[in-house]
Amino acid sequence: MNPLHWTRPHQLAWVIVSLSGAVLGVLLRFIHSPFFSMAQSWPVFAEWLSRPQSYWLWSLLGFLVSGLIFYAAQLFRKSN
């Protein structure tokens, strides 16, 4: 099942789900960082985002995992 042969709405949904996974990965990394426990964590979050070396792996993993789960769901749906 080739994703390039999916309909445009399925491809768009796949991209949206993958990007949502990347955002979730960044937020999870921030929650697990020591900066989250500071009193004013949202201004620290903005500063923390300016340093991608501290979260790029989590966003990449979130992107890949959510995209693969969506792909697996499409495979399962197609086989049934």
Protein backbone atom coordinates (compact mmCIF):
# COMPACT_ATOMS: atom_id res chain seq x y z
CA MET A 1 0.00 0.00 0.00
CA ASN A 2 1.81 3.03 -1.30
CA PRO A 3 1.05 6.35 0.48
CA LEU A 4 1.64 8.16 -2.81
CA HIS A 5 -1.46 6.46 -4.20
CA TRP A 6 -3.68 7.53 -1.30
CA THR A 7 -6.36 10.11 -1.88
CA ARG A 8 -5.47 13.71 -1.11
CA PRO A 9 -7.53 13.81 2.14
CA HIS A 10 -5.72 10.72 3.45
CA GLN A 11 -2.34 12.23 2.63
CA LEU A 12 -3.32 15.49 4.33
CA ALA A 13 -4.54 13.60 7.39
CA TRP A 14 -1.25 11.68 7.49
CA VAL A 15 0.74 14.92 7.46
CA ILE A 16 -1.46 16.50 10.14
CA VAL A 17 -1.20 13.45 12.40
CA SER A 18 2.58 13.33 11.94
CA LEU A 19 3.01 17.03 12.71
CA SER A 20 0.78 16.68 15.76
CA GLY A 21 3.03 13.86 16.93
CA ALA A 22 6.06 16.11 16.51
CA VAL A 23 4.43 18.84 18.60
CA LEU A 24 3.46 16.29 21.23
CA GLY A 25 7.06 15.04 21.29
CA VAL A 26 8.35 18.57 21.93
CA LEU A 27 5.82 19.11 24.72
CA LEU A 28 6.67 15.77 26.33
CA ARG A 29 10.37 16.62 26.22
CA PHE A 30 9.68 19.97 27.89
CA ILE A 31 7.59 18.30 30.58
CA HIS A 32 10.47 15.90 31.29
CA SER A 33 13.04 18.70 31.38
CA PRO A 34 14.04 20.42 34.63
CA PHE A 35 12.77 23.74 33.26
CA PHE A 36 9.14 22.62 33.53
CA SER A 37 9.22 22.76 37.33
CA MET A 38 10.15 26.45 37.39
CA ALA A 39 7.58 28.93 38.68
CA GLN A 40 7.08 30.68 35.34
CA SER A 41 7.58 27.83 32.92
CA TRP A 42 5.96 29.38 29.80
CA PRO A 43 8.52 32.18 29.36
CA VAL A 44 11.20 29.54 29.92
CA PHE A 45 9.48 27.38 27.27
CA ALA A 46 9.91 30.14 24.70
CA GLU A 47 13.60 30.39 25.54
CA TRP A 48 13.93 26.60 25.54
CA LEU A 49 12.43 26.42 22.03
CA SER A 50 15.25 28.58 20.73
CA ARG A 51 17.67 25.71 21.50
CA PRO A 52 16.66 22.84 19.19
CA GLN A 53 19.54 20.62 20.29
CA SER A 54 17.59 19.87 23.48
CA TYR A 55 14.44 18.57 21.78
CA TRP A 56 14.98 17.75 18.08
CA LEU A 57 15.20 14.01 18.68
CA TRP A 58 11.89 13.95 20.55
CA SER A 59 10.10 15.86 17.82
CA LEU A 60 11.55 13.54 15.18
CA LEU A 61 10.50 10.45 17.13
CA GLY A 62 7.02 11.87 17.69
CA PHE A 63 6.72 12.59 13.97
CA LEU A 64 7.84 9.12 12.95
CA VAL A 65 5.88 7.15 15.54
CA SER A 66 2.61 8.95 14.88
CA GLY A 67 3.09 8.66 11.12
CA LEU A 68 3.81 4.94 11.38
CA ILE A 69 0.78 4.39 13.60
CA PHE A 70 -1.40 6.18 11.05
CA TYR A 71 0.10 4.08 8.27
CA ALA A 72 -0.48 0.89 10.24
CA ALA A 73 -4.09 1.90 10.86
CA GLN A 74 -4.55 2.45 7.13
CA LEU A 75 -3.03 -0.95 6.41
CA PHE A 76 -5.30 -2.61 8.96
CA ARG A 77 -8.34 -0.83 7.56
CA LYS A 78 -7.44 -1.82 4.00
CA SER A 79 -6.95 -5.49 4.92
CA ASN A 80 -10.38 -5.74 6.58
